Amino acid sequence: MLIYNVTSKVNARQHSAWLSWMERAYLPAVMESGTVEKYHLTRLLGVDDTDGPTYALLMTFKSRTVFDNYQEKYALGHQKAIKEKWGEAVLSFPSILDVVLKGE
């Protein structure tokens, strides 16, 4: 199992509109790809929110093969949608996490 994490710093003035857009447009489009098993959109706590909040979007993929398929077919379009809609108001960086141990 892989987790694709995208951490984003959101401009305070755009925060409410961005969060609404994530819920209504972006995340449904991500799930429509059929590659993401589930996601969690989390807000980082204990960080400086003066300029705006920081979020981490964690998307779970069944395997590296499924993730690679997402990267090849969908990721660029999703990244482009964010850049076109929000420009410099949302600054993001991705990381890929390999689940080593899992507890319930």
PDB file of N, CA and C in Angstrom:
ATOM      1  N   MET A   1       0.850  -1.175   0.000  1.00  0.00           N
ATOM      2  CA  MET A   1       0.000   0.000   0.000  1.00  0.00           C
ATOM      3  C   MET A   1       0.893   1.235   0.000  1.00  0.00           C
ATOM      4  N   LEU A   2       0.505   2.225  -0.779  1.00  0.00           N
ATOM      5  CA  LEU A   2       1.220   3.497  -0.851  1.00  0.00           C
ATOM      6  C   LEU A   2       0.294   4.634  -0.445  1.00  0.00           C
ATOM      7  N   ILE A   3       0.886   5.634   0.178  1.00  0.00           N
ATOM      8  CA  ILE A   3       0.164   6.867   0.476  1.00  0.00           C
ATOM      9  C   ILE A   3       0.877   7.990  -0.259  1.00  0.00           C
ATOM     10  N   TYR A   4       0.114   8.722  -1.028  1.00  0.00           N
ATOM     11  CA  TYR A   4       0.624   9.890  -1.732  1.00  0.00           C
ATOM     12  C   TYR A   4       0.168  11.098  -0.931  1.00  0.00           C
ATOM     13  N   ASN A   5       1.123  11.824  -0.394  1.00  0.00           N
ATOM     14  CA  ASN A   5       0.834  12.980   0.448  1.00  0.00           C
ATOM     15  C   ASN A   5       1.138  14.257  -0.330  1.00  0.00           C
ATOM     16  N   VAL A   6       0.193  15.170  -0.347  1.00  0.00           N
ATOM     17  CA  VAL A   6       0.422  16.490  -0.931  1.00  0.00           C
ATOM     18  C   VAL A   6       0.169  17.512   0.169  1.00  0.00           C
ATOM     19  N   THR A   7       1.236  18.172   0.599  1.00  0.00           N
ATOM     20  CA  THR A   7       1.143  19.193   1.635  1.00  0.00           C
ATOM     21  C   THR A   7       1.002  20.548   0.959  1.00  0.00           C
ATOM     22  N   SER A   8       0.014  21.332   1.407  1.00  0.00           N
ATOM     23  CA  SER A   8      -0.290  22.613   0.758  1.00  0.00           C
ATOM     24  C   SER A   8      -0.449  23.726   1.777  1.00  0.00           C
ATOM     25  N   LYS A   9       0.221  24.838   1.517  1.00  0.00           N
ATOM     26  CA  LYS A   9       0.055  26.071   2.286  1.00  0.00           C
ATOM     27  C   LYS A   9      -0.931  26.931   1.499  1.00  0.00           C
ATOM     28  N   VAL A  10      -2.048  27.289   2.139  1.00  0.00           N
ATOM     29  CA  VAL A  10      -3.131  27.997   1.459  1.00  0.00           C
ATOM     30  C   VAL A  10      -3.195  29.436   1.960  1.00  0.00           C
ATOM     31  N   ASN A  11      -3.183  30.380   1.046  1.00  0.00           N
ATOM     32  CA  ASN A  11      -3.295  31.796   1.387  1.00  0.00           C
ATOM     33  C   ASN A  11      -4.553  32.028   2.219  1.00  0.00           C
ATOM     34  N   ALA A  12      -4.423  32.780   3.298  1.00  0.00           N
ATOM     35  CA  ALA A  12      -5.540  33.007   4.228  1.00  0.00           C
ATOM     36  C   ALA A  12      -6.763  33.595   3.522  1.00  0.00           C
ATOM     37  N   ARG A  13      -6.552  34.491   2.566  1.00  0.00           N
ATOM     38  CA  ARG A  13      -7.685  35.129   1.877  1.00  0.00           C
ATOM     39  C   ARG A  13      -8.447  34.151   0.984  1.00  0.00           C
ATOM     40  N   GLN A  14      -7.786  33.116   0.529  1.00  0.00           N
ATOM     41  CA  GLN A  14      -8.401  32.146  -0.380  1.00  0.00           C
ATOM     42  C   GLN A  14      -8.855  30.872   0.327  1.00  0.00           C
ATOM     43  N   HIS A  15      -8.586  30.765   1.612  1.00  0.00           N
ATOM     44  CA  HIS A  15      -8.788  29.521   2.347  1.00  0.00           C
ATOM     45  C   HIS A  15     -10.192  28.941   2.213  1.00  0.00           C
ATOM     46  N   SER A  16     -11.214  29.708   2.503  1.00  0.00           N
ATOM     47  CA  SER A  16     -12.592  29.192   2.464  1.00  0.00           C
ATOM     48  C   SER A  16     -12.984  28.732   1.066  1.00  0.00           C
ATOM     49  N   ALA A  17     -12.645  29.529   0.068  1.00  0.00           N
ATOM     50  CA  ALA A  17     -12.975  29.170  -1.315  1.00  0.00           C
ATOM     51  C   ALA A  17     -12.210  27.917  -1.741  1.00  0.00           C
ATOM     52  N   TRP A  18     -10.936  27.817  -1.353  1.00  0.00           N
ATOM     53  CA  TRP A  18     -10.129  26.644  -1.697  1.00  0.00           C
ATOM     54  C   TRP A  18     -10.704  25.382  -1.064  1.00  0.00           C
ATOM     55  N   LEU A  19     -11.059  25.453   0.201  1.00  0.00           N
ATOM     56  CA  LEU A  19     -11.592  24.284   0.899  1.00  0.00           C
ATOM     57  C   LEU A  19     -12.900  23.821   0.257  1.00  0.00           C
ATOM     58  N   SER A  20     -13.750  24.756  -0.097  1.00  0.00           N
ATOM     59  CA  SER A  20     -15.002  24.423  -0.775  1.00  0.00           C
ATOM     60  C   SER A  20     -14.726  23.779  -2.132  1.00  0.00           C
ATOM     61  N   TRP A  21     -13.780  24.331  -2.883  1.00  0.00           N
ATOM     62  CA  TRP A  21     -13.416  23.785  -4.188  1.00  0.00           C
ATOM     63  C   TRP A  21     -12.839  22.380  -4.059  1.00  0.00           C
ATOM     64  N   MET A  22     -12.018  22.166  -3.055  1.00  0.00           N
ATOM     65  CA  MET A  22     -11.459  20.827  -2.825  1.00  0.00           C
ATOM     66  C   MET A  22     -12.581  19.815  -2.615  1.00  0.00           C
ATOM     67  N   GLU A  23     -13.558  20.189  -1.794  1.00  0.00           N
ATOM     68  CA  GLU A  23     -14.659  19.282  -1.463  1.00  0.00           C
ATOM     69  C   GLU A  23     -15.579  19.032  -2.659  1.00  0.00           C
ATOM     70  N   ARG A  24     -15.883  20.076  -3.408  1.00  0.00           N
ATOM     71  CA  ARG A  24     -16.895  19.975  -4.462  1.00  0.00           C
ATOM     72  C   ARG A  24     -16.351  19.606  -5.842  1.00  0.00           C
ATOM     73  N   ALA A  25     -15.098  19.948  -6.112  1.00  0.00           N
ATOM     74  CA  ALA A  25     -14.570  19.735  -7.464  1.00  0.00           C
ATOM     75  C   ALA A  25     -13.335  18.832  -7.492  1.00  0.00           C
ATOM     76  N   TYR A  26     -12.305  19.216  -6.763  1.00  0.00           N
ATOM     77  CA  TYR A  26     -11.026  18.517  -6.888  1.00  0.00           C
ATOM     78  C   TYR A  26     -11.079  17.078  -6.388  1.00  0.00           C
ATOM     79  N   LEU A  27     -11.537  16.878  -5.160  1.00  0.00           N
ATOM     80  CA  LEU A  27     -11.539  15.524  -4.596  1.00  0.00           C
ATOM     81  C   LEU A  27     -12.488  14.578  -5.333  1.00  0.00           C
ATOM     82  N   PRO A  28     -13.670  15.027  -5.757  1.00  0.00           N
ATOM     83  CA  PRO A  28     -14.484  14.138  -6.595  1.00  0.00           C
ATOM     84  C   PRO A  28     -13.769  13.744  -7.898  1.00  0.00           C
ATOM     85  N   ALA A  29     -13.032  14.672  -8.505  1.00  0.00           N
ATOM     86  CA  ALA A  29     -12.289  14.355  -9.730  1.00  0.00           C
ATOM     87  C   ALA A  29     -11.191  13.333  -9.450  1.00  0.00           C
ATOM     88  N   VAL A  30     -10.512  13.485  -8.326  1.00  0.00           N
ATOM     89  CA  VAL A  30      -9.482  12.518  -7.938  1.00  0.00           C
ATOM     90  C   VAL A  30     -10.096  11.130  -7.773  1.00  0.00           C
ATOM     91  N   MET A  31     -11.222  11.058  -7.085  1.00  0.00           N
ATOM     92  CA  MET A  31     -11.856   9.761  -6.843  1.00  0.00           C
ATOM     93  C   MET A  31     -12.413   9.147  -8.131  1.00  0.00           C
ATOM     94  N   GLU A  32     -12.807   9.980  -9.080  1.00  0.00           N
ATOM     95  CA  GLU A  32     -13.303   9.482 -10.371  1.00  0.00           C
ATOM     96  C   GLU A  32     -12.237   8.735 -11.158  1.00  0.00           C
ATOM     97  N   SER A  33     -10.979   8.966 -10.842  1.00  0.00           N
ATOM     98  CA  SER A  33      -9.902   8.259 -11.542  1.00  0.00           C
ATOM     99  C   SER A  33      -9.976   6.756 -11.298  1.00  0.00           C
ATOM    100  N   GLY A  34     -10.613   6.353 -10.199  1.00  0.00           N
ATOM    101  CA  GLY A  34     -10.732   4.941  -9.875  1.00  0.00           C
ATOM    102  C   GLY A  34      -9.459   4.320  -9.339  1.00  0.00           C
ATOM    103  N   THR A  35      -8.447   5.132  -9.114  1.00  0.00           N
ATOM    104  CA  THR A  35      -7.163   4.613  -8.635  1.00  0.00           C
ATOM    105  C   THR A  35      -6.957   4.828  -7.139  1.00  0.00           C
ATOM    106  N   VAL A  36      -7.593   5.840  -6.591  1.00  0.00           N
ATOM    107  CA  VAL A  36      -7.426   6.180  -5.176  1.00  0.00           C
ATOM    108  C   VAL A  36      -8.447   5.398  -4.359  1.00  0.00           C
ATOM    109  N   GLU A  37      -7.966   4.628  -3.378  1.00  0.00           N
ATOM    110  CA  GLU A  37      -8.873   3.852  -2.531  1.00  0.00           C
ATOM    111  C   GLU A  37      -9.629   4.744  -1.558  1.00  0.00           C
ATOM    112  N   LYS A  38      -8.906   5.667  -0.934  1.00  0.00           N
ATOM    113  CA  LYS A  38      -9.520   6.610   0.001  1.00  0.00           C
ATOM    114  C   LYS A  38      -8.584   7.790   0.174  1.00  0.00           C
ATOM    115  N   TYR A  39      -9.117   8.846   0.754  1.00  0.00           N
ATOM    116  CA  TYR A  39      -8.285  10.013   1.037  1.00  0.00           C
ATOM    117  C   TYR A  39      -8.653  10.576   2.402  1.00  0.00           C
ATOM    118  N   HIS A  40      -7.716  11.333   2.944  1.00  0.00           N
ATOM    119  CA  HIS A  40      -7.942  12.124   4.154  1.00  0.00           C
ATOM    120  C   HIS A  40      -7.369  13.505   3.869  1.00  0.00           C
ATOM    121  N   LEU A  41      -8.176  14.529   4.036  1.00  0.00           N
ATOM    122  CA  LEU A  41      -7.672  15.894   3.960  1.00  0.00           C
ATOM    123  C   LEU A  41      -7.535  16.367   5.395  1.00  0.00           C
ATOM    124  N   THR A  42      -6.306  16.630   5.811  1.00  0.00           N
ATOM    125  CA  THR A  42      -6.031  16.980   7.202  1.00  0.00           C
ATOM    126  C   THR A  42      -5.413  18.369   7.280  1.00  0.00           C
ATOM    127  N   ARG A  43      -5.657  19.031   8.393  1.00  0.00           N
ATOM    128  CA  ARG A  43      -5.066  20.350   8.630  1.00  0.00           C
ATOM    129  C   ARG A  43      -3.962  20.192   9.663  1.00  0.00           C
ATOM    130  N   LEU A  44      -2.796  20.733   9.366  1.00  0.00           N
ATOM    131  CA  LEU A  44      -1.687  20.647  10.293  1.00  0.00           C
ATOM    132  C   LEU A  44      -1.941  21.553  11.486  1.00  0.00           C
ATOM    133  N   LEU A  45      -1.676  21.029  12.651  1.00  0.00           N
ATOM    134  CA  LEU A  45      -1.824  21.779  13.894  1.00  0.00           C
ATOM    135  C   LEU A  45      -0.440  22.124  14.435  1.00  0.00           C
ATOM    136  N   GLY A  46      -0.363  23.182  15.213  1.00  0.00           N
ATOM    137  CA  GLY A  46       0.895  23.559  15.841  1.00  0.00           C
ATOM    138  C   GLY A  46       1.892  24.192  14.896  1.00  0.00           C
ATOM    139  N   VAL A  47       1.413  24.693  13.755  1.00  0.00           N
ATOM    140  CA  VAL A  47       2.284  25.395  12.809  1.00  0.00           C
ATOM    141  C   VAL A  47       1.808  26.839  12.689  1.00  0.00           C
ATOM    142  N   ASP A  48       2.664  27.697  12.193  1.00  0.00           N
ATOM    143  CA  ASP A  48       2.324  29.111  12.039  1.00  0.00           C
ATOM    144  C   ASP A  48       1.295  29.278  10.922  1.00  0.00           C
ATOM    145  N   ASP A  49       0.088  29.712  11.296  1.00  0.00           N
ATOM    146  CA  ASP A  49      -0.992  29.930  10.335  1.00  0.00           C
ATOM    147  C   ASP A  49      -1.169  31.408   9.986  1.00  0.00           C
ATOM    148  N   THR A  50      -0.186  32.229  10.280  1.00  0.00           N
ATOM    149  CA  THR A  50      -0.299  33.665  10.048  1.00  0.00           C
ATOM    150  C   THR A  50      -0.677  33.977   8.602  1.00  0.00           C
ATOM    151  N   ASP A  51      -0.018  33.339   7.656  1.00  0.00           N
ATOM    152  CA  ASP A  51      -0.281  33.583   6.235  1.00  0.00           C
ATOM    153  C   ASP A  51      -1.378  32.696   5.675  1.00  0.00           C
ATOM    154  N   GLY A  52      -1.826  31.742   6.465  1.00  0.00           N
ATOM    155  CA  GLY A  52      -2.852  30.802   6.031  1.00  0.00           C
ATOM    156  C   GLY A  52      -2.549  29.413   6.551  1.00  0.00           C
ATOM    157  N   PRO A  53      -3.545  28.550   6.537  1.00  0.00           N
ATOM    158  CA  PRO A  53      -3.378  27.201   7.075  1.00  0.00           C
ATOM    159  C   PRO A  53      -2.582  26.289   6.134  1.00  0.00           C
ATOM    160  N   THR A  54      -2.074  25.216   6.715  1.00  0.00           N
ATOM    161  CA  THR A  54      -1.369  24.184   5.959  1.00  0.00           C
ATOM    162  C   THR A  54      -2.174  22.894   6.048  1.00  0.00           C
ATOM    163  N   TYR A  55      -2.365  22.255   4.903  1.00  0.00           N
ATOM    164  CA  TYR A  55      -3.122  21.010   4.827  1.00  0.00           C
ATOM    165  C   TYR A  55      -2.237  19.901   4.272  1.00  0.00           C
ATOM    166  N   ALA A  56      -2.591  18.675   4.632  1.00  0.00           N
ATOM    167  CA  ALA A  56      -1.968  17.494   4.024  1.00  0.00           C
ATOM    168  C   ALA A  56      -3.092  16.627   3.465  1.00  0.00           C
ATOM    169  N   LEU A  57      -3.031  16.375   2.179  1.00  0.00           N
ATOM    170  CA  LEU A  57      -3.970  15.469   1.523  1.00  0.00           C
ATOM    171  C   LEU A  57      -3.273  14.126   1.382  1.00  0.00           C
ATOM    172  N   LEU A  58      -3.816  13.109   2.050  1.00  0.00           N
ATOM    173  CA  LEU A  58      -3.246  11.765   2.005  1.00  0.00           C
ATOM    174  C   LEU A  58      -4.158  10.875   1.172  1.00  0.00           C
ATOM    175  N   MET A  59      -3.625  10.370   0.067  1.00  0.00           N
ATOM    176  CA  MET A  59      -4.391   9.506  -0.830  1.00  0.00           C
ATOM    177  C   MET A  59      -3.780   8.113  -0.791  1.00  0.00           C
ATOM    178  N   THR A  60      -4.615   7.108  -0.566  1.00  0.00           N
ATOM    179  CA  THR A  60      -4.150   5.733  -0.437  1.00  0.00           C
ATOM    180  C   THR A  60      -4.331   4.973  -1.748  1.00  0.00           C
ATOM    181  N   PHE A  61      -3.272   4.275  -2.148  1.00  0.00           N
ATOM    182  CA  PHE A  61      -3.273   3.449  -3.353  1.00  0.00           C
ATOM    183  C   PHE A  61      -2.980   2.005  -2.968  1.00  0.00           C
ATOM    184  N   LYS A  62      -3.638   1.079  -3.634  1.00  0.00           N
ATOM    185  CA  LYS A  62      -3.508  -0.347  -3.320  1.00  0.00           C
ATOM    186  C   LYS A  62      -2.089  -0.871  -3.554  1.00  0.00           C
ATOM    187  N   SER A  63      -1.422  -0.356  -4.595  1.00  0.00           N
ATOM    188  CA  SER A  63      -0.089  -0.855  -4.942  1.00  0.00           C
ATOM    189  C   SER A  63       0.700   0.215  -5.691  1.00  0.00           C
ATOM    190  N   ARG A  64       1.966  -0.051  -5.886  1.00  0.00           N
ATOM    191  CA  ARG A  64       2.817   0.854  -6.650  1.00  0.00           C
ATOM    192  C   ARG A  64       2.349   0.913  -8.110  1.00  0.00           C
ATOM    193  N   THR A  65       1.886  -0.203  -8.618  1.00  0.00           N
ATOM    194  CA  THR A  65       1.391  -0.248  -9.996  1.00  0.00           C
ATOM    195  C   THR A  65       0.189   0.676 -10.177  1.00  0.00           C
ATOM    196  N   VAL A  66      -0.735   0.643  -9.232  1.00  0.00           N
ATOM    197  CA  VAL A  66      -1.921   1.510  -9.298  1.00  0.00           C
ATOM    198  C   VAL A  66      -1.500   2.971  -9.170  1.00  0.00           C
ATOM    199  N   PHE A  67      -0.563   3.248  -8.263  1.00  0.00           N
ATOM    200  CA  PHE A  67      -0.064   4.615  -8.104  1.00  0.00           C
ATOM    201  C   PHE A  67       0.600   5.099  -9.392  1.00  0.00           C
ATOM    202  N   ASP A  68       1.442   4.255  -9.981  1.00  0.00           N
ATOM    203  CA  ASP A  68       2.111   4.632 -11.231  1.00  0.00           C
ATOM    204  C   ASP A  68       1.091   4.923 -12.331  1.00  0.00           C
ATOM    205  N   ASN A  69       0.018   4.160 -12.372  1.00  0.00           N
ATOM    206  CA  ASN A  69      -1.069   4.402 -13.327  1.00  0.00           C
ATOM    207  C   ASN A  69      -1.696   5.778 -13.073  1.00  0.00           C
ATOM    208  N   TYR A  70      -1.934   6.102 -11.803  1.00  0.00           N
ATOM    209  CA  TYR A  70      -2.470   7.423 -11.448  1.00  0.00           C
ATOM    210  C   TYR A  70      -1.516   8.521 -11.919  1.00  0.00           C
ATOM    211  N   GLN A  71      -0.241   8.344 -11.642  1.00  0.00           N
ATOM    212  CA  GLN A  71       0.752   9.343 -12.037  1.00  0.00           C
ATOM    213  C   GLN A  71       0.776   9.527 -13.557  1.00  0.00           C
ATOM    214  N   GLU A  72       0.721   8.430 -14.267  1.00  0.00           N
ATOM    215  CA  GLU A  72       0.810   8.469 -15.725  1.00  0.00           C
ATOM    216  C   GLU A  72      -0.424   9.091 -16.379  1.00  0.00           C
ATOM    217  N   LYS A  73      -1.607   8.774 -15.849  1.00  0.00           N
ATOM    218  CA  LYS A  73      -2.843   9.170 -16.526  1.00  0.00           C
ATOM    219  C   LYS A  73      -3.553  10.385 -15.935  1.00  0.00           C
ATOM    220  N   TYR A  74      -3.385  10.642 -14.640  1.00  0.00           N
ATOM    221  CA  TYR A  74      -4.240  11.634 -13.982  1.00  0.00           C
ATOM    222  C   TYR A  74      -3.506  12.751 -13.228  1.00  0.00           C
ATOM    223  N   ALA A  75      -2.369  12.459 -12.645  1.00  0.00           N
ATOM    224  CA  ALA A  75      -1.729  13.404 -11.723  1.00  0.00           C
ATOM    225  C   ALA A  75      -1.435  14.757 -12.362  1.00  0.00           C
ATOM    226  N   LEU A  76      -0.900  14.748 -13.558  1.00  0.00           N
ATOM    227  CA  LEU A  76      -0.553  16.009 -14.216  1.00  0.00           C
ATOM    228  C   LEU A  76      -1.779  16.890 -14.412  1.00  0.00           C
ATOM    229  N   GLY A  77      -2.886  16.304 -14.817  1.00  0.00           N
ATOM    230  CA  GLY A  77      -4.127  17.064 -14.984  1.00  0.00           C
ATOM    231  C   GLY A  77      -4.633  17.627 -13.673  1.00  0.00           C
ATOM    232  N   HIS A  78      -4.521  16.842 -12.605  1.00  0.00           N
ATOM    233  CA  HIS A  78      -4.959  17.321 -11.290  1.00  0.00           C
ATOM    234  C   HIS A  78      -4.064  18.462 -10.805  1.00  0.00           C
ATOM    235  N   GLN A  79      -2.746  18.324 -11.002  1.00  0.00           N
ATOM    236  CA  GLN A  79      -1.820  19.386 -10.608  1.00  0.00           C
ATOM    237  C   GLN A  79      -2.070  20.659 -11.417  1.00  0.00           C
ATOM    238  N   LYS A  80      -2.335  20.486 -12.696  1.00  0.00           N
ATOM    239  CA  LYS A  80      -2.609  21.632 -13.568  1.00  0.00           C
ATOM    240  C   LYS A  80      -3.881  22.358 -13.133  1.00  0.00           C
ATOM    241  N   ALA A  81      -4.907  21.606 -12.735  1.00  0.00           N
ATOM    242  CA  ALA A  81      -6.164  22.216 -12.281  1.00  0.00           C
ATOM    243  C   ALA A  81      -5.931  23.102 -11.065  1.00  0.00           C
ATOM    244  N   ILE A  82      -5.109  22.636 -10.135  1.00  0.00           N
ATOM    245  CA  ILE A  82      -4.810  23.433  -8.938  1.00  0.00           C
ATOM    246  C   ILE A  82      -4.050  24.696  -9.324  1.00  0.00           C
ATOM    247  N   LYS A  83      -3.035  24.544 -10.156  1.00  0.00           N
ATOM    248  CA  LYS A  83      -2.210  25.692 -10.552  1.00  0.00           C
ATOM    249  C   LYS A  83      -3.036  26.733 -11.310  1.00  0.00           C
ATOM    250  N   GLU A  84      -3.892  26.273 -12.224  1.00  0.00           N
ATOM    251  CA  GLU A  84      -4.710  27.210 -13.001  1.00  0.00           C
ATOM    252  C   GLU A  84      -5.736  27.922 -12.134  1.00  0.00           C
ATOM    253  N   LYS A  85      -6.320  27.222 -11.196  1.00  0.00           N
ATOM    254  CA  LYS A  85      -7.364  27.801 -10.344  1.00  0.00           C
ATOM    255  C   LYS A  85      -6.787  28.714  -9.271  1.00  0.00           C
ATOM    256  N   TRP A  86      -5.669  28.310  -8.656  1.00  0.00           N
ATOM    257  CA  TRP A  86      -5.192  29.003  -7.458  1.00  0.00           C
ATOM    258  C   TRP A  86      -3.847  29.695  -7.615  1.00  0.00           C
ATOM    259  N   GLY A  87      -3.087  29.408  -8.640  1.00  0.00           N
ATOM    260  CA  GLY A  87      -1.804  30.066  -8.853  1.00  0.00           C
ATOM    261  C   GLY A  87      -0.912  29.993  -7.628  1.00  0.00           C
ATOM    262  N   GLU A  88      -0.397  31.145  -7.221  1.00  0.00           N
ATOM    263  CA  GLU A  88       0.514  31.219  -6.076  1.00  0.00           C
ATOM    264  C   GLU A  88      -0.213  31.264  -4.734  1.00  0.00           C
ATOM    265  N   ALA A  89      -1.541  31.245  -4.744  1.00  0.00           N
ATOM    266  CA  ALA A  89      -2.308  31.261  -3.491  1.00  0.00           C
ATOM    267  C   ALA A  89      -2.220  29.925  -2.758  1.00  0.00           C
ATOM    268  N   VAL A  90      -1.824  28.871  -3.478  1.00  0.00           N
ATOM    269  CA  VAL A  90      -1.656  27.544  -2.881  1.00  0.00           C
ATOM    270  C   VAL A  90      -0.295  27.006  -3.314  1.00  0.00           C
ATOM    271  N   LEU A  91       0.578  26.797  -2.338  1.00  0.00           N
ATOM    272  CA  LEU A  91       1.907  26.253  -2.609  1.00  0.00           C
ATOM    273  C   LEU A  91       1.957  24.838  -2.062  1.00  0.00           C
ATOM    274  N   SER A  92       2.315  23.876  -2.914  1.00  0.00           N
ATOM    275  CA  SER A  92       2.243  22.464  -2.534  1.00  0.00           C
ATOM    276  C   SER A  92       3.534  21.730  -2.841  1.00  0.00           C
ATOM    277  N   PHE A  93       3.747  20.650  -2.095  1.00  0.00           N
ATOM    278  CA  PHE A  93       4.811  19.713  -2.435  1.00  0.00           C
ATOM    279  C   PHE A  93       4.342  18.297  -2.117  1.00  0.00           C
ATOM    280  N   PRO A  94       4.693  17.336  -2.979  1.00  0.00           N
ATOM    281  CA  PRO A  94       4.260  15.953  -2.781  1.00  0.00           C
ATOM    282  C   PRO A  94       5.331  15.098  -2.116  1.00  0.00           C
ATOM    283  N   SER A  95       4.890  13.997  -1.536  1.00  0.00           N
ATOM    284  CA  SER A  95       5.792  12.950  -1.061  1.00  0.00           C
ATOM    285  C   SER A  95       5.064  11.618  -1.169  1.00  0.00           C
ATOM    286  N   ILE A  96       5.829  10.562  -1.390  1.00  0.00           N
ATOM    287  CA  ILE A  96       5.273   9.216  -1.520  1.00  0.00           C
ATOM    288  C   ILE A  96       5.709   8.422  -0.296  1.00  0.00           C
ATOM    289  N   LEU A  97       4.740   7.789   0.355  1.00  0.00           N
ATOM    290  CA  LEU A  97       5.008   7.029   1.574  1.00  0.00           C
ATOM    291  C   LEU A  97       4.662   5.565   1.342  1.00  0.00           C
ATOM    292  N   ASP A  98       5.569   4.691   1.708  1.00  0.00           N
ATOM    293  CA  ASP A  98       5.334   3.250   1.617  1.00  0.00           C
ATOM    294  C   ASP A  98       4.911   2.760   2.997  1.00  0.00           C
ATOM    295  N   VAL A  99       3.738   2.173   3.102  1.00  0.00           N
ATOM    296  CA  VAL A  99       3.241   1.680   4.389  1.00  0.00           C
ATOM    297  C   VAL A  99       4.015   0.412   4.741  1.00  0.00           C
ATOM    298  N   VAL A 100       4.735   0.462   5.858  1.00  0.00           N
ATOM    299  CA  VAL A 100       5.551  -0.656   6.305  1.00  0.00           C
ATOM    300  C   VAL A 100       4.782  -1.513   7.309  1.00  0.00           C
ATOM    301  N   LEU A 101       4.149  -0.865   8.282  1.00  0.00           N
ATOM    302  CA  LEU A 101       3.316  -1.538   9.273  1.00  0.00           C
ATOM    303  C   LEU A 101       2.008  -0.788   9.386  1.00  0.00           C
ATOM    304  N   LYS A 102       0.950  -1.520   9.689  1.00  0.00           N
ATOM    305  CA  LYS A 102      -0.371  -0.898   9.778  1.00  0.00           C
ATOM    306  C   LYS A 102      -1.110  -1.475  10.975  1.00  0.00           C
ATOM    307  N   GLY A 103      -1.750  -0.615  11.733  1.00  0.00           N
ATOM    308  CA  GLY A 103      -2.555  -1.059  12.863  1.00  0.00           C
ATOM    309  C   GLY A 103      -3.976  -0.553  12.731  1.00  0.00           C
ATOM    310  N   GLU A 104      -4.868  -1.204  13.377  1.00  0.00           N
ATOM    311  CA  GLU A 104      -6.279  -0.791  13.339  1.00  0.00           C
ATOM    312  C   GLU A 104      -6.725  -0.397  14.727  1.00  0.00           C
TER     313      GLU A 104
END
